[in-house]
Protein backbone atom coordinates (compact mmCIF):
# COMPACT_ATOMS: atom_id res chain seq x y z
CA MET A 1 69.69 164.41 -64.40
CA ILE A 2 66.74 164.22 -66.74
CA LEU A 3 64.77 161.00 -67.02
CA ASN A 4 63.02 159.90 -70.16
CA THR A 5 59.56 161.41 -69.75
CA LYS A 6 57.91 158.83 -72.02
CA ASN A 7 57.97 156.07 -69.42
CA PRO A 8 59.75 157.03 -66.22
CA LYS A 9 58.05 154.25 -64.25
CA GLY A 10 59.56 151.60 -66.51
CA GLU A 11 63.04 153.00 -65.95
CA VAL A 12 62.52 153.03 -62.20
CA ARG A 13 61.32 149.43 -62.20
CA GLU A 14 64.28 148.36 -64.28
CA SER A 15 66.74 150.31 -62.11
CA TYR A 16 65.74 148.90 -58.75
CA ARG A 17 65.50 145.38 -60.16
CA THR A 18 69.04 145.72 -61.50
CA VAL A 19 70.20 145.94 -57.88
CA LEU A 20 68.93 142.39 -57.38
CA VAL A 21 71.49 141.16 -59.91
CA PHE A 22 74.29 142.14 -57.54
CA LEU A 23 72.73 141.28 -54.17
CA PRO A 24 73.19 137.47 -54.25
CA ASN A 25 76.98 137.86 -54.44
CA SER A 26 77.29 140.73 -51.98
CA TYR A 27 74.73 140.01 -49.24
CA ASP A 28 75.65 137.00 -47.09
CA LYS A 29 72.15 136.24 -45.82
CA PHE A 30 70.48 136.60 -49.22
CA VAL A 31 69.66 132.87 -49.30
CA GLU A 32 67.32 133.34 -46.32
CA LYS A 33 65.31 135.89 -48.31
CA LEU A 34 64.87 133.68 -51.38
CA PRO A 35 61.46 132.17 -50.43
CA ASN A 36 60.03 135.70 -50.25
CA LEU A 37 61.93 137.22 -53.18
CA ILE A 38 61.56 134.49 -55.80
CA PRO A 39 57.75 134.80 -56.14
CA LEU A 40 58.03 138.60 -56.42
CA LEU A 41 60.71 138.31 -59.07
CA ILE A 42 58.76 135.71 -61.03
CA GLU A 43 55.67 137.91 -60.97
CA GLY A 44 57.85 140.68 -62.37
CA LEU A 45 58.45 138.52 -65.43
CA SER A 46 54.92 139.38 -66.54
CA ASP A 47 55.97 143.06 -66.80
CA ASP A 48 55.10 144.77 -70.06
CA LYS A 49 58.66 146.14 -70.53
CA ASP A 50 61.13 143.71 -72.07
CA GLU A 51 64.08 145.40 -70.35
CA CYS A 52 62.52 144.71 -66.94
CA LYS A 53 61.90 141.08 -67.87
CA LYS A 54 65.50 140.61 -68.99
CA VAL A 55 66.90 142.08 -65.78
CA ILE A 56 64.66 139.92 -63.62
CA MET A 57 65.44 136.74 -65.57
CA ARG A 58 69.14 137.49 -65.24
CA SER A 59 68.76 137.96 -61.50
CA LEU A 60 66.81 134.71 -61.14
CA LYS A 61 69.38 132.77 -63.16
CA ILE A 62 72.15 134.15 -60.95
CA CYS A 63 70.24 132.98 -57.87
CA ILE A 64 69.80 129.52 -59.39
CA LYS A 65 73.49 129.34 -60.31
CA LYS A 66 74.66 130.53 -56.88
CA PHE A 67 72.20 128.73 -54.59
CA GLY A 68 70.93 125.83 -56.73
CA ARG A 69 73.04 123.15 -55.07
CA ALA A 70 73.60 124.84 -51.71
CA ALA A 71 69.93 125.58 -50.94
CA PRO A 72 67.70 123.90 -53.54
CA ASP A 73 64.60 123.88 -51.33
CA GLN A 74 64.80 127.67 -50.96
CA LEU A 75 64.42 127.86 -54.75
CA VAL A 76 62.28 124.84 -55.60
CA GLN A 77 59.33 125.56 -53.31
CA PRO A 78 58.63 129.14 -54.48
CA VAL A 79 59.09 128.21 -58.14
CA LEU A 80 56.71 125.26 -57.74
CA ARG A 81 54.07 127.56 -56.22
CA MET A 82 54.47 130.08 -59.04
CA MET A 83 54.00 127.37 -61.68
CA PHE A 84 50.30 127.42 -60.74
CA ALA A 85 49.85 131.21 -60.91
CA ASP A 86 46.87 132.71 -62.71
CA ASP A 87 49.00 134.64 -65.20
CA SER A 88 50.20 132.46 -68.10
CA ASN A 89 53.42 134.49 -68.43
CA VAL A 90 54.26 133.72 -64.81
CA ARG A 91 53.55 130.01 -65.36
CA MET A 92 55.72 129.99 -68.47
CA SER A 93 58.59 131.80 -66.74
CA SER A 94 58.35 129.48 -63.74
CA SER A 95 58.56 126.47 -66.04
CA ILE A 96 61.70 127.90 -67.66
CA LEU A 97 63.23 128.54 -64.24
CA MET A 98 62.42 125.03 -63.06
CA TYR A 99 64.17 123.68 -66.14
CA GLN A 100 67.20 125.86 -65.32
CA LEU A 101 67.17 124.60 -61.75
CA VAL A 102 67.00 120.96 -62.82
CA LYS A 103 69.90 121.60 -65.19
CA GLU A 104 71.89 123.28 -62.41
CA LEU A 105 71.30 120.25 -60.19
CA GLU A 106 72.93 118.14 -62.93
CA ASN A 107 69.66 116.44 -63.80
CA ASP A 108 69.60 115.14 -60.23
CA ILE A 109 65.81 115.07 -60.45
CA ILE A 110 65.75 112.20 -62.94
CA LYS A 111 68.10 109.99 -60.93
CA ALA A 112 66.68 107.22 -58.77
CA GLN A 113 68.37 108.57 -55.64
CA PRO A 114 68.73 112.38 -55.90
CA LYS A 115 71.68 113.97 -54.12
CA TYR A 116 70.49 117.59 -53.76
CA VAL A 117 66.75 117.23 -53.11
CA SER A 118 64.56 114.77 -51.24
CA ILE A 119 62.59 112.04 -53.02
CA GLU A 120 59.40 113.86 -52.05
CA THR A 121 60.61 117.10 -53.67
CA LYS A 122 61.70 115.16 -56.75
CA HIS A 123 58.18 113.74 -57.10
CA LYS A 124 56.61 117.18 -56.67
CA ILE A 125 58.84 118.62 -59.38
CA LEU A 126 58.13 115.81 -61.83
CA ALA A 127 54.39 115.89 -61.13
CA THR A 128 54.22 119.65 -61.56
CA MET A 129 56.18 119.53 -64.80
CA PHE A 130 53.81 116.84 -66.08
CA ILE A 131 50.78 118.96 -65.17
CA MET A 132 52.32 121.98 -66.90
CA LYS A 133 52.63 119.93 -70.06
CA TYR A 134 48.83 120.09 -70.34
CA ASP A 135 48.44 123.79 -69.55
CA PRO A 136 45.51 125.37 -71.41
CA ASP A 137 47.80 128.11 -72.76
CA GLU A 138 49.96 126.57 -75.51
CA LYS A 139 52.96 128.83 -74.92
CA VAL A 140 53.40 127.44 -71.40
């Protein structure tokens, strides 16, 4: 099998990240690994190859869909940390993911008494989203 010699590293990155699309549905203890995996995946969203970014975003959205209600803290905490990363692409991607997570939780965050997250977590999410509104980089 001959790989494209122009950018073999990009293909390798895309290939092994594609595996992460299938792991949440096939590996029972995947939810325990989320706090370690989510920051790595979000950092991968600053990759220079669009194909890699698309695969990672797909994987993250699958994780949010599958574990959003069952284990919201496993997702919320790493995404909140990544919203303050140095890289503006990582901050922007984290903001998008937080929006997806809030949507998956049926806008539970804006309710007076949230069902899926604690009041403290709700306040952290809202405060972080407010801070991100004034990010120095306009695209965030």
